[in-house]
Amino acid sequence: MRDMLFWIRIRLTHDSGQGYDCRMDVVSDAIVAVRIGRPSSDRLRVSGSWCTRFAPYDGAGFHVVLEGSCWLLPDGGGPVPLGTGDAVLLPHGTGHVIADSPADEATVEQAVPFERWLGRTPPRRAEDADSQVAMLCGKYRLDRSHAHPLMTELPVVVHLPHRAGGHPELRAAVDLLGRELDVQRPGSDIAVPGLLDLFLVYMIRSWMAETPSGTWSAALGDPVTATVLRAMHADPAAAWTNDRLAAEAGVSRPTLARRFTPLVGRPPMAYLTWWRLTLAAGLLRDTTEPLAIIAHRVGYGTPYAFSHAFKREFGATPGQYRTAAAAAQRT
């Protein structure tokens, strides 16, 4: 996953024809911090009257309508109409129903669980030709114990309607996914998870572009805050101080605090500590590197200092955290 996100960063830089974008740096790092396991997806084609339920999930779900139209009915929320080309992300794993119509409460309660419904989708009938719907449905497994604030800021439903010329990278990813899932081809086991990771980045990127008033859109749009975030994310192990960070942004320490803290929700050094320990948690979860190496990689001089800070943040020692994370990934 980390290698894939690094490739995504490079690809986005080349595609834009511009310099490296701090927005995508933080977006990529935010996803790396929370993503575990491999994403999964199914391509579906249905027609007639249908209604299926997706149970609440400790991760994020998504749907893309390739053909036709349908309705998303999130738990506790109003119905969302989905048309051809629409993409929708449920970043907090909210339970929901997908149906051919904005069904009433009784119908929703009788919706067939997706896992059972998938195996017995009724065959297409000629009389249902006008109501045929083709979709991509999938999910990402997430570790919510220490999610980046960018991820927690996402709304319950991120709906990205199809518009001519809108979100071209997202549309390209949808087309590629559809083709890979249509027919099993050599290399699909690598291509599909990679495309799903790319798809998640593009959905969050598109949401940020359409929500400039969001807290993190504002933070990454502020030159001072963005410069400091870029510096910390590019080299979290550096011996950063408030003075060094202020100098990096070309402002005074008071100006740095005044600009950074309200937008990010933490003072610069508090965010740096949180981010270092979040990175360390990912390394403990995803690698077998020794504690001393991890401590050095995230900016701690000794394993003891790192262990003390980690336990204060996570309520467990690094060793306890690694054991629990390995057990969780086996389930």
C-alpha atoms as a PDB file:
ATOM      1  CA  MET A   1       0.000   0.000   0.000  1.00  0.00           C
ATOM      2  CA  ARG A   2       2.780   2.443   0.892  1.00  0.00           C
ATOM      3  CA  ASP A   3       4.563   1.723  -2.396  1.00  0.00           C
ATOM      4  CA  MET A   4       1.279   2.292  -4.265  1.00  0.00           C
ATOM      5  CA  LEU A   5       0.706   5.671  -2.565  1.00  0.00           C
ATOM      6  CA  PHE A   6       4.289   6.703  -3.401  1.00  0.00           C
ATOM      7  CA  TRP A   7       3.599   5.823  -7.055  1.00  0.00           C
ATOM      8  CA  ILE A   8       0.363   7.822  -6.902  1.00  0.00           C
ATOM      9  CA  ARG A   9       2.261  10.889  -5.659  1.00  0.00           C
ATOM     10  CA  ILE A  10       4.734  10.670  -8.528  1.00  0.00           C
ATOM     11  CA  ARG A  11       1.978  10.037 -11.073  1.00  0.00           C
ATOM     12  CA  LEU A  12      -0.086  12.999  -9.926  1.00  0.00           C
ATOM     13  CA  THR A  13       2.937  15.264 -10.141  1.00  0.00           C
ATOM     14  CA  HIS A  14       3.674  14.193 -13.728  1.00  0.00           C
ATOM     15  CA  ASP A  15      -0.001  14.346 -14.751  1.00  0.00           C
ATOM     16  CA  SER A  16      -0.391  17.892 -13.471  1.00  0.00           C
ATOM     17  CA  GLY A  17       2.723  19.131 -15.239  1.00  0.00           C
ATOM     18  CA  GLN A  18       3.447  21.162 -12.113  1.00  0.00           C
ATOM     19  CA  GLY A  19       5.473  20.791  -8.945  1.00  0.00           C
ATOM     20  CA  TYR A  20       4.691  18.423  -6.118  1.00  0.00           C
ATOM     21  CA  ASP A  21       1.362  19.242  -4.486  1.00  0.00           C
ATOM     22  CA  CYS A  22       1.252  19.404  -0.681  1.00  0.00           C
ATOM     23  CA  ARG A  23      -2.461  18.648  -0.818  1.00  0.00           C
ATOM     24  CA  MET A  24      -1.793  15.233  -2.295  1.00  0.00           C
ATOM     25  CA  ASP A  25       1.102  14.645   0.115  1.00  0.00           C
ATOM     26  CA  VAL A  26      -1.202  15.039   3.110  1.00  0.00           C
ATOM     27  CA  VAL A  27      -4.072  13.188   1.417  1.00  0.00           C
ATOM     28  CA  SER A  28      -1.786  10.254   0.626  1.00  0.00           C
ATOM     29  CA  ASP A  29      -0.348  10.196   4.127  1.00  0.00           C
ATOM     30  CA  ALA A  30      -3.814  10.431   5.670  1.00  0.00           C
ATOM     31  CA  ILE A  31      -4.928   7.384   3.681  1.00  0.00           C
ATOM     32  CA  VAL A  32      -1.740   5.438   4.473  1.00  0.00           C
ATOM     33  CA  ALA A  33      -2.310   6.103   8.173  1.00  0.00           C
ATOM     34  CA  VAL A  34      -5.776   4.549   8.168  1.00  0.00           C
ATOM     35  CA  ARG A  35      -5.791   1.901   5.387  1.00  0.00           C
ATOM     36  CA  ILE A  36      -5.172  -1.754   6.261  1.00  0.00           C
ATOM     37  CA  GLY A  37      -5.606  -4.957   4.267  1.00  0.00           C
ATOM     38  CA  ARG A  38      -6.691  -5.108   0.645  1.00  0.00           C
ATOM     39  CA  PRO A  39      -9.753  -3.394  -0.828  1.00  0.00           C
ATOM     40  CA  SER A  40     -12.427  -5.490  -2.510  1.00  0.00           C
ATOM     41  CA  SER A  41     -15.033  -4.841  -5.186  1.00  0.00           C
ATOM     42  CA  ASP A  42     -17.700  -6.485  -7.329  1.00  0.00           C
ATOM     43  CA  ARG A  43     -19.202  -5.520 -10.662  1.00  0.00           C
ATOM     44  CA  LEU A  44     -22.988  -5.969 -10.727  1.00  0.00           C
ATOM     45  CA  ARG A  45     -25.712  -5.848 -13.337  1.00  0.00           C
ATOM     46  CA  VAL A  46     -29.342  -5.868 -12.149  1.00  0.00           C
ATOM     47  CA  SER A  47     -32.768  -4.972 -13.481  1.00  0.00           C
ATOM     48  CA  GLY A  48     -36.383  -4.841 -12.469  1.00  0.00           C
ATOM     49  CA  SER A  49     -37.283  -4.343  -8.813  1.00  0.00           C
ATOM     50  CA  TRP A  50     -34.414  -4.875  -6.366  1.00  0.00           C
ATOM     51  CA  CYS A  51     -33.194  -3.728  -2.962  1.00  0.00           C
ATOM     52  CA  THR A  52     -30.057  -4.799  -1.094  1.00  0.00           C
ATOM     53  CA  ARG A  53     -28.562  -3.807   2.253  1.00  0.00           C
ATOM     54  CA  PHE A  54     -24.928  -3.111   3.180  1.00  0.00           C
ATOM     55  CA  ALA A  55     -24.398  -3.505   6.927  1.00  0.00           C
ATOM     56  CA  PRO A  56     -22.334  -0.949   8.875  1.00  0.00           C
ATOM     57  CA  TYR A  57     -18.675  -1.669   8.265  1.00  0.00           C
ATOM     58  CA  ASP A  58     -15.407  -0.842  10.014  1.00  0.00           C
ATOM     59  CA  GLY A  59     -14.077   0.773   6.892  1.00  0.00           C
ATOM     60  CA  ALA A  60     -15.358   2.740   3.906  1.00  0.00           C
ATOM     61  CA  GLY A  61     -17.749   1.651   1.174  1.00  0.00           C
ATOM     62  CA  PHE A  62     -18.147   2.964  -2.342  1.00  0.00           C
ATOM     63  CA  HIS A  63     -20.432   2.611  -5.359  1.00  0.00           C
ATOM     64  CA  VAL A  64     -20.091   3.749  -8.959  1.00  0.00           C
ATOM     65  CA  VAL A  65     -23.042   3.655 -11.344  1.00  0.00           C
ATOM     66  CA  LEU A  66     -21.797   2.556 -14.757  1.00  0.00           C
ATOM     67  CA  GLU A  67     -25.212   2.347 -16.407  1.00  0.00           C
ATOM     68  CA  GLY A  68     -28.764   3.286 -15.426  1.00  0.00           C
ATOM     69  CA  SER A  69     -29.844   4.863 -12.139  1.00  0.00           C
ATOM     70  CA  CYS A  70     -30.694   3.833  -8.577  1.00  0.00           C
ATOM     71  CA  TRP A  71     -31.023   5.191  -5.041  1.00  0.00           C
ATOM     72  CA  LEU A  72     -28.736   5.233  -2.017  1.00  0.00           C
ATOM     73  CA  LEU A  73     -30.581   5.125   1.313  1.00  0.00           C
ATOM     74  CA  PRO A  74     -28.074   5.732   4.149  1.00  0.00           C
ATOM     75  CA  ASP A  75     -29.018   4.829   7.718  1.00  0.00           C
ATOM     76  CA  GLY A  76     -30.344   7.947   9.409  1.00  0.00           C
ATOM     77  CA  GLY A  77     -30.204  10.039   6.232  1.00  0.00           C
ATOM     78  CA  GLY A  78     -32.341  10.979   3.281  1.00  0.00           C
ATOM     79  CA  PRO A  79     -32.362   9.167  -0.074  1.00  0.00           C
ATOM     80  CA  VAL A  80     -29.653  10.097  -2.590  1.00  0.00           C
ATOM     81  CA  PRO A  81     -30.422   9.639  -6.313  1.00  0.00           C
ATOM     82  CA  LEU A  82     -27.541   8.138  -8.298  1.00  0.00           C
ATOM     83  CA  GLY A  83     -27.267   8.418 -12.065  1.00  0.00           C
ATOM     84  CA  THR A  84     -24.933   7.035 -14.700  1.00  0.00           C
ATOM     85  CA  GLY A  85     -21.360   8.050 -13.953  1.00  0.00           C
ATOM     86  CA  ASP A  86     -22.033   9.013 -10.329  1.00  0.00           C
ATOM     87  CA  ALA A  87     -19.561   7.924  -7.652  1.00  0.00           C
ATOM     88  CA  VAL A  88     -20.350   7.778  -3.961  1.00  0.00           C
ATOM     89  CA  LEU A  89     -18.067   7.124  -0.981  1.00  0.00           C
ATOM     90  CA  LEU A  90     -19.273   6.252   2.532  1.00  0.00           C
ATOM     91  CA  PRO A  91     -16.023   6.996   4.396  1.00  0.00           C
ATOM     92  CA  HIS A  92     -17.301   6.080   7.864  1.00  0.00           C
ATOM     93  CA  GLY A  93     -18.771   2.708   6.934  1.00  0.00           C
ATOM     94  CA  THR A  94     -22.368   3.825   7.413  1.00  0.00           C
ATOM     95  CA  GLY A  95     -24.964   1.107   6.855  1.00  0.00           C
ATOM     96  CA  HIS A  96     -27.104   1.724   3.798  1.00  0.00           C
ATOM     97  CA  VAL A  97     -29.442   0.302   1.185  1.00  0.00           C
ATOM     98  CA  ILE A  98     -29.100   0.469  -2.594  1.00  0.00           C
ATOM     99  CA  ALA A  99     -32.405   0.084  -4.435  1.00  0.00           C
ATOM    100  CA  ASP A 100     -34.124   0.680  -7.743  1.00  0.00           C
ATOM    101  CA  SER A 101     -36.369   3.313  -6.114  1.00  0.00           C
ATOM    102  CA  PRO A 102     -36.535   5.470  -2.959  1.00  0.00           C
ATOM    103  CA  ALA A 103     -38.182   2.580  -1.102  1.00  0.00           C
ATOM    104  CA  ASP A 104     -40.431   3.047   1.923  1.00  0.00           C
ATOM    105  CA  GLU A 105     -39.389   1.959   5.419  1.00  0.00           C
ATOM    106  CA  ALA A 106     -41.046  -1.457   5.186  1.00  0.00           C
ATOM    107  CA  THR A 107     -39.228  -2.255   1.949  1.00  0.00           C
ATOM    108  CA  VAL A 108     -35.888  -1.136   3.394  1.00  0.00           C
ATOM    109  CA  GLU A 109     -36.369  -3.421   6.390  1.00  0.00           C
ATOM    110  CA  GLN A 110     -36.869  -6.354   4.002  1.00  0.00           C
ATOM    111  CA  ALA A 111     -33.793  -5.557   1.898  1.00  0.00           C
ATOM    112  CA  VAL A 112     -31.673  -8.641   1.228  1.00  0.00           C
ATOM    113  CA  PRO A 113     -28.165  -8.492   2.765  1.00  0.00           C
ATOM    114  CA  PHE A 114     -25.663  -7.839   0.007  1.00  0.00           C
ATOM    115  CA  GLU A 115     -23.658 -11.017   0.639  1.00  0.00           C
ATOM    116  CA  ARG A 116     -26.758 -13.179   0.095  1.00  0.00           C
ATOM    117  CA  TRP A 117     -28.203 -11.056  -2.670  1.00  0.00           C
ATOM    118  CA  LEU A 118     -24.954 -11.119  -4.658  1.00  0.00           C
ATOM    119  CA  GLY A 119     -25.148 -14.871  -5.049  1.00  0.00           C
ATOM    120  CA  ARG A 120     -28.723 -14.945  -6.295  1.00  0.00           C
ATOM    121  CA  THR A 121     -29.171 -11.854  -8.454  1.00  0.00           C
ATOM    122  CA  PRO A 122     -32.170 -12.640 -10.695  1.00  0.00           C
ATOM    123  CA  PRO A 123     -31.502 -13.065 -14.425  1.00  0.00           C
ATOM    124  CA  ARG A 124     -32.189 -10.160 -16.730  1.00  0.00           C
ATOM    125  CA  ARG A 125     -35.533 -10.102 -18.495  1.00  0.00           C
ATOM    126  CA  ALA A 126     -36.326  -8.397 -21.808  1.00  0.00           C
ATOM    127  CA  GLU A 127     -39.161  -6.412 -20.203  1.00  0.00           C
ATOM    128  CA  ASP A 128     -36.688  -4.930 -17.698  1.00  0.00           C
ATOM    129  CA  ALA A 129     -34.330  -3.575 -20.359  1.00  0.00           C
ATOM    130  CA  ASP A 130     -35.164   0.046 -19.533  1.00  0.00           C
ATOM    131  CA  SER A 131     -34.333  -0.451 -15.846  1.00  0.00           C
ATOM    132  CA  GLN A 132     -30.980  -2.191 -16.160  1.00  0.00           C
ATOM    133  CA  VAL A 133     -28.298  -0.944 -13.787  1.00  0.00           C
ATOM    134  CA  ALA A 134     -24.586  -1.742 -13.866  1.00  0.00           C
ATOM    135  CA  MET A 135     -22.508  -0.829 -10.813  1.00  0.00           C
ATOM    136  CA  LEU A 136     -19.178  -1.197  -9.099  1.00  0.00           C
ATOM    137  CA  CYS A 137     -19.578  -1.863  -5.366  1.00  0.00           C
ATOM    138  CA  GLY A 138     -16.646  -2.180  -2.993  1.00  0.00           C
ATOM    139  CA  LYS A 139     -15.097  -1.398   0.355  1.00  0.00           C
ATOM    140  CA  TYR A 140     -11.851  -0.437   2.027  1.00  0.00           C
ATOM    141  CA  ARG A 141     -10.778  -1.744   5.414  1.00  0.00           C
ATOM    142  CA  LEU A 142      -9.733   1.086   7.745  1.00  0.00           C
ATOM    143  CA  ASP A 143      -8.175   1.403  11.181  1.00  0.00           C
ATOM    144  CA  ARG A 144     -10.170   4.152  12.870  1.00  0.00           C
ATOM    145  CA  SER A 145      -8.239   4.104  16.150  1.00  0.00           C
ATOM    146  CA  HIS A 146      -6.005   6.972  15.020  1.00  0.00           C
ATOM    147  CA  ALA A 147      -7.483   8.392  11.826  1.00  0.00           C
ATOM    148  CA  HIS A 148      -6.034  11.549  10.338  1.00  0.00           C
ATOM    149  CA  PRO A 149      -8.337  14.563  10.890  1.00  0.00           C
ATOM    150  CA  LEU A 150      -8.725  14.884   7.115  1.00  0.00           C
ATOM    151  CA  MET A 151     -10.443  11.496   7.074  1.00  0.00           C
ATOM    152  CA  THR A 152     -12.669  12.258  10.054  1.00  0.00           C
ATOM    153  CA  GLU A 153     -13.790  15.502   8.407  1.00  0.00           C
ATOM    154  CA  LEU A 154     -15.326  13.671   5.452  1.00  0.00           C
ATOM    155  CA  PRO A 155     -19.156  13.664   5.546  1.00  0.00           C
ATOM    156  CA  VAL A 156     -21.250  10.514   5.985  1.00  0.00           C
ATOM    157  CA  VAL A 157     -21.873  10.395   2.223  1.00  0.00           C
ATOM    158  CA  VAL A 158     -19.504  11.855  -0.379  1.00  0.00           C
ATOM    159  CA  HIS A 159     -21.584  12.074  -3.563  1.00  0.00           C
ATOM    160  CA  LEU A 160     -19.711  12.999  -6.725  1.00  0.00           C
ATOM    161  CA  PRO A 161     -22.272  13.409  -9.538  1.00  0.00           C
ATOM    162  CA  HIS A 162     -21.122  12.863 -13.081  1.00  0.00           C
ATOM    163  CA  ARG A 163     -20.667  16.084 -15.024  1.00  0.00           C
ATOM    164  CA  ALA A 164     -19.236  16.501 -18.493  1.00  0.00           C
ATOM    165  CA  GLY A 165     -15.560  17.331 -18.106  1.00  0.00           C
ATOM    166  CA  GLY A 166     -15.657  16.994 -14.318  1.00  0.00           C
ATOM    167  CA  HIS A 167     -13.064  14.974 -12.370  1.00  0.00           C
ATOM    168  CA  PRO A 168     -11.333  13.439 -15.427  1.00  0.00           C
ATOM    169  CA  GLU A 169      -8.872  11.406 -13.322  1.00  0.00           C
ATOM    170  CA  LEU A 170     -11.741   9.870 -11.341  1.00  0.00           C
ATOM    171  CA  ARG A 171     -13.572   8.981 -14.554  1.00  0.00           C
ATOM    172  CA  ALA A 172     -10.436   7.385 -15.995  1.00  0.00           C
ATOM    173  CA  ALA A 173     -10.010   5.276 -12.844  1.00  0.00           C
ATOM    174  CA  VAL A 174     -13.671   4.169 -13.063  1.00  0.00           C
ATOM    175  CA  ASP A 175     -13.223   3.117 -16.704  1.00  0.00           C
ATOM    176  CA  LEU A 176     -10.084   1.148 -15.915  1.00  0.00           C
ATOM    177  CA  LEU A 177     -11.702  -0.562 -12.929  1.00  0.00           C
ATOM    178  CA  GLY A 178     -14.744  -1.513 -14.975  1.00  0.00           C
ATOM    179  CA  ARG A 179     -12.578  -3.103 -17.645  1.00  0.00           C
ATOM    180  CA  GLU A 180     -10.432  -5.017 -15.166  1.00  0.00           C
ATOM    181  CA  LEU A 181     -13.477  -6.386 -13.329  1.00  0.00           C
ATOM    182  CA  ASP A 182     -15.295  -7.254 -16.549  1.00  0.00           C
ATOM    183  CA  VAL A 183     -12.900 -10.006 -17.555  1.00  0.00           C
ATOM    184  CA  GLN A 184     -10.167 -11.737 -15.556  1.00  0.00           C
ATOM    185  CA  ARG A 185      -6.865 -10.803 -17.199  1.00  0.00           C
ATOM    186  CA  PRO A 186      -3.200 -11.518 -16.459  1.00  0.00           C
ATOM    187  CA  GLY A 187      -2.038  -9.257 -13.641  1.00  0.00           C
ATOM    188  CA  SER A 188      -5.540  -8.434 -12.376  1.00  0.00           C
ATOM    189  CA  ASP A 189      -4.647  -9.465  -8.826  1.00  0.00           C
ATOM    190  CA  ILE A 190      -2.206  -6.553  -8.739  1.00  0.00           C
ATOM    191  CA  ALA A 191      -4.029  -4.127 -11.022  1.00  0.00           C
ATOM    192  CA  VAL A 192      -7.413  -4.133  -9.247  1.00  0.00           C
ATOM    193  CA  PRO A 193      -6.197  -3.348  -5.684  1.00  0.00           C
ATOM    194  CA  GLY A 194      -3.873  -0.694  -7.105  1.00  0.00           C
ATOM    195  CA  LEU A 195      -6.688   0.920  -9.071  1.00  0.00           C
ATOM    196  CA  LEU A 196      -8.943   0.824  -6.007  1.00  0.00           C
ATOM    197  CA  ASP A 197      -6.300   2.655  -3.971  1.00  0.00           C
ATOM    198  CA  LEU A 198      -5.979   5.218  -6.751  1.00  0.00           C
ATOM    199  CA  PHE A 199      -9.768   5.520  -6.902  1.00  0.00           C
ATOM    200  CA  LEU A 200      -9.934   6.329  -3.172  1.00  0.00           C
ATOM    201  CA  VAL A 201      -7.351   9.096  -3.577  1.00  0.00           C
ATOM    202  CA  TYR A 202      -9.245  10.577  -6.516  1.00  0.00           C
ATOM    203  CA  MET A 203     -12.578  10.526  -4.665  1.00  0.00           C
ATOM    204  CA  ILE A 204     -11.114  12.395  -1.687  1.00  0.00           C
ATOM    205  CA  ARG A 205      -9.274  14.771  -4.012  1.00  0.00           C
ATOM    206  CA  SER A 206     -12.500  15.491  -5.906  1.00  0.00           C
ATOM    207  CA  TRP A 207     -14.398  16.097  -2.665  1.00  0.00           C
ATOM    208  CA  MET A 208     -11.754  18.571  -1.514  1.00  0.00           C
ATOM    209  CA  ALA A 209     -11.964  20.403  -4.844  1.00  0.00           C
ATOM    210  CA  GLU A 210     -15.737  20.725  -4.442  1.00  0.00           C
ATOM    211  CA  THR A 211     -15.589  21.652  -0.741  1.00  0.00           C
ATOM    212  CA  PRO A 212     -13.153  24.575  -0.516  1.00  0.00           C
ATOM    213  CA  SER A 213     -14.764  25.706   2.749  1.00  0.00           C
ATOM    214  CA  GLY A 214     -13.730  22.502   4.551  1.00  0.00           C
ATOM    215  CA  THR A 215     -11.256  22.791   7.412  1.00  0.00           C
ATOM    216  CA  TRP A 216      -8.533  20.810   5.706  1.00  0.00           C
ATOM    217  CA  SER A 217      -9.116  22.376   2.333  1.00  0.00           C
ATOM    218  CA  ALA A 218      -8.517  25.710   4.067  1.00  0.00           C
ATOM    219  CA  ALA A 219      -5.435  24.389   5.872  1.00  0.00           C
ATOM    220  CA  LEU A 220      -3.870  23.114   2.666  1.00  0.00           C
ATOM    221  CA  GLY A 221      -4.836  26.297   0.855  1.00  0.00           C
ATOM    222  CA  ASP A 222      -3.064  28.532   3.370  1.00  0.00           C
ATOM    223  CA  PRO A 223       0.557  29.101   2.209  1.00  0.00           C
ATOM    224  CA  VAL A 224       2.043  29.161   5.711  1.00  0.00           C
ATOM    225  CA  THR A 225       0.170  26.139   7.037  1.00  0.00           C
ATOM    226  CA  ALA A 226       0.700  24.170   3.815  1.00  0.00           C
ATOM    227  CA  THR A 227       4.446  24.855   3.835  1.00  0.00           C
ATOM    228  CA  VAL A 228       4.795  23.668   7.413  1.00  0.00           C
ATOM    229  CA  LEU A 229       2.692  20.574   6.804  1.00  0.00           C
ATOM    230  CA  ARG A 230       4.752  19.775   3.727  1.00  0.00           C
ATOM    231  CA  ALA A 231       7.968  20.078   5.724  1.00  0.00           C
ATOM    232  CA  MET A 232       6.745  17.847   8.553  1.00  0.00           C
ATOM    233  CA  HIS A 233       5.311  15.212   6.241  1.00  0.00           C
ATOM    234  CA  ALA A 234       8.380  15.185   3.988  1.00  0.00           C
ATOM    235  CA  ASP A 235      10.798  14.647   6.896  1.00  0.00           C
ATOM    236  CA  PRO A 236       9.002  13.806  10.156  1.00  0.00           C
ATOM    237  CA  ALA A 237      12.242  12.646  11.820  1.00  0.00           C
ATOM    238  CA  ALA A 238      13.962  16.026  11.422  1.00  0.00           C
ATOM    239  CA  ALA A 239      14.805  18.000  14.550  1.00  0.00           C
ATOM    240  CA  TRP A 240      11.940  20.417  14.049  1.00  0.00           C
ATOM    241  CA  THR A 241      11.272  23.268  16.470  1.00  0.00           C
ATOM    242  CA  ASN A 242       8.761  26.085  16.296  1.00  0.00           C
ATOM    243  CA  ASP A 243      11.588  28.390  15.243  1.00  0.00           C
ATOM    244  CA  ARG A 244      12.701  26.077  12.421  1.00  0.00           C
ATOM    245  CA  LEU A 245       9.170  25.579  11.183  1.00  0.00           C
ATOM    246  CA  ALA A 246       8.483  29.319  11.258  1.00  0.00           C
ATOM    247  CA  ALA A 247      11.697  29.935   9.321  1.00  0.00           C
ATOM    248  CA  GLU A 248      10.661  27.259   6.794  1.00  0.00           C
ATOM    249  CA  ALA A 249       7.447  29.214   6.164  1.00  0.00           C
ATOM    250  CA  GLY A 250       9.184  32.598   6.247  1.00  0.00           C
ATOM    251  CA  VAL A 251       7.118  33.954   9.152  1.00  0.00           C
ATOM    252  CA  SER A 252       7.533  34.643  12.855  1.00  0.00           C
ATOM    253  CA  ARG A 253       6.639  32.106  15.553  1.00  0.00           C
ATOM    254  CA  PRO A 254       3.506  34.050  16.623  1.00  0.00           C
ATOM    255  CA  THR A 255       2.341  34.250  13.000  1.00  0.00           C
ATOM    256  CA  LEU A 256       2.912  30.521  12.567  1.00  0.00           C
ATOM    257  CA  ALA A 257       0.869  29.726  15.671  1.00  0.00           C
ATOM    258  CA  ARG A 258      -1.895  32.133  14.642  1.00  0.00           C
ATOM    259  CA  ARG A 259      -2.192  30.642  11.146  1.00  0.00           C
ATOM    260  CA  PHE A 260      -1.539  26.955  11.835  1.00  0.00           C
ATOM    261  CA  THR A 261      -3.362  26.127  15.065  1.00  0.00           C
ATOM    262  CA  PRO A 262      -6.924  27.240  14.188  1.00  0.00           C
ATOM    263  CA  LEU A 263      -6.806  25.476  10.810  1.00  0.00           C
ATOM    264  CA  VAL A 264      -5.212  22.191  11.892  1.00  0.00           C
ATOM    265  CA  GLY A 265      -6.718  22.009  15.385  1.00  0.00           C
ATOM    266  CA  ARG A 266      -3.339  21.542  17.113  1.00  0.00           C
ATOM    267  CA  PRO A 267      -0.207  23.669  17.553  1.00  0.00           C
ATOM    268  CA  PRO A 268       2.595  22.764  15.130  1.00  0.00           C
ATOM    269  CA  MET A 269       4.692  20.710  17.558  1.00  0.00           C
ATOM    270  CA  ALA A 270       1.645  18.887  18.928  1.00  0.00           C
ATOM    271  CA  TYR A 271       0.652  17.936  15.375  1.00  0.00           C
ATOM    272  CA  LEU A 272       4.212  16.793  14.659  1.00  0.00           C
ATOM    273  CA  THR A 273       4.218  14.534  17.727  1.00  0.00           C
ATOM    274  CA  TRP A 274       0.832  13.092  16.800  1.00  0.00           C
ATOM    275  CA  TRP A 275       1.910  12.493  13.208  1.00  0.00           C
ATOM    276  CA  ARG A 276       5.212  10.843  14.202  1.00  0.00           C
ATOM    277  CA  LEU A 277       3.388   8.403  16.491  1.00  0.00           C
ATOM    278  CA  THR A 278       0.721   7.748  13.862  1.00  0.00           C
ATOM    279  CA  LEU A 279       3.447   6.850  11.357  1.00  0.00           C
ATOM    280  CA  ALA A 280       5.065   4.645  13.985  1.00  0.00           C
ATOM    281  CA  ALA A 281       1.789   2.816  14.529  1.00  0.00           C
ATOM    282  CA  GLY A 282       1.622   2.074  10.809  1.00  0.00           C
ATOM    283  CA  LEU A 283       5.187   0.749  10.816  1.00  0.00           C
ATOM    284  CA  LEU A 284       4.429  -1.453  13.818  1.00  0.00           C
ATOM    285  CA  ARG A 285       1.327  -2.759  12.078  1.00  0.00           C
ATOM    286  CA  ASP A 286       2.737  -3.252   8.582  1.00  0.00           C
ATOM    287  CA  THR A 287       6.412  -4.173   9.103  1.00  0.00           C
ATOM    288  CA  THR A 288       8.643  -6.303  11.320  1.00  0.00           C
ATOM    289  CA  GLU A 289      11.245  -3.584  11.789  1.00  0.00           C
ATOM    290  CA  PRO A 290      12.882  -3.490  15.248  1.00  0.00           C
ATOM    291  CA  LEU A 291      11.708  -0.901  17.736  1.00  0.00           C
ATOM    292  CA  ALA A 292      14.982   1.026  17.581  1.00  0.00           C
ATOM    293  CA  ILE A 293      14.722   1.423  13.799  1.00  0.00           C
ATOM    294  CA  ILE A 294      11.116   2.632  14.000  1.00  0.00           C
ATOM    295  CA  ALA A 295      12.007   5.072  16.768  1.00  0.00           C
ATOM    296  CA  HIS A 296      14.798   6.534  14.625  1.00  0.00           C
ATOM    297  CA  ARG A 297      12.590   6.754  11.521  1.00  0.00           C
ATOM    298  CA  VAL A 298       9.981   8.871  13.322  1.00  0.00           C
ATOM    299  CA  GLY A 299      12.385  11.177  15.139  1.00  0.00           C
ATOM    300  CA  TYR A 300      13.009   9.654  18.570  1.00  0.00           C
ATOM    301  CA  GLY A 301      16.567   9.328  19.851  1.00  0.00           C
ATOM    302  CA  THR A 302      16.021   6.199  21.918  1.00  0.00           C
ATOM    303  CA  PRO A 303      13.531   3.321  21.994  1.00  0.00           C
ATOM    304  CA  TYR A 304      12.724   4.258  25.603  1.00  0.00           C
ATOM    305  CA  ALA A 305      11.688   7.809  24.667  1.00  0.00           C
ATOM    306  CA  PHE A 306       9.661   6.478  21.772  1.00  0.00           C
ATOM    307  CA  SER A 307       7.931   3.798  23.891  1.00  0.00           C
ATOM    308  CA  HIS A 308       7.026   6.343  26.562  1.00  0.00           C
ATOM    309  CA  ALA A 309       5.502   8.747  24.002  1.00  0.00           C
ATOM    310  CA  PHE A 310       3.719   5.933  22.171  1.00  0.00           C
ATOM    311  CA  LYS A 311       2.086   4.559  25.310  1.00  0.00           C
ATOM    312  CA  ARG A 312       0.951   8.032  26.303  1.00  0.00           C
ATOM    313  CA  GLU A 313      -0.745   8.467  22.914  1.00  0.00           C
ATOM    314  CA  PHE A 314      -2.104   4.950  22.292  1.00  0.00           C
ATOM    315  CA  GLY A 315      -2.523   3.564  25.806  1.00  0.00           C
ATOM    316  CA  ALA A 316      -0.355   0.543  24.942  1.00  0.00           C
ATOM    317  CA  THR A 317       3.341  -0.154  24.491  1.00  0.00           C
ATOM    318  CA  PRO A 318       4.628  -0.548  20.926  1.00  0.00           C
ATOM    319  CA  GLY A 319       4.974  -4.296  21.465  1.00  0.00           C
ATOM    320  CA  GLN A 320       1.407  -4.624  22.748  1.00  0.00           C
ATOM    321  CA  TYR A 321       0.124  -2.553  19.843  1.00  0.00           C
ATOM    322  CA  ARG A 322       1.987  -4.679  17.273  1.00  0.00           C
ATOM    323  CA  THR A 323       0.635  -7.917  18.761  1.00  0.00           C
ATOM    324  CA  ALA A 324      -2.953  -6.609  18.828  1.00  0.00           C
ATOM    325  CA  ALA A 325      -2.691  -5.278  15.265  1.00  0.00           C
ATOM    326  CA  ALA A 326      -1.382  -8.625  13.972  1.00  0.00           C
ATOM    327  CA  ALA A 327      -4.237 -10.457  15.667  1.00  0.00           C
ATOM    328  CA  ALA A 328      -6.804  -8.027  14.201  1.00  0.00           C
ATOM    329  CA  GLN A 329      -5.502  -8.497  10.663  1.00  0.00           C
ATOM    330  CA  ARG A 330      -5.831 -12.276  10.959  1.00  0.00           C
ATOM    331  CA  THR A 331      -9.574 -11.989  11.685  1.00  0.00           C
END
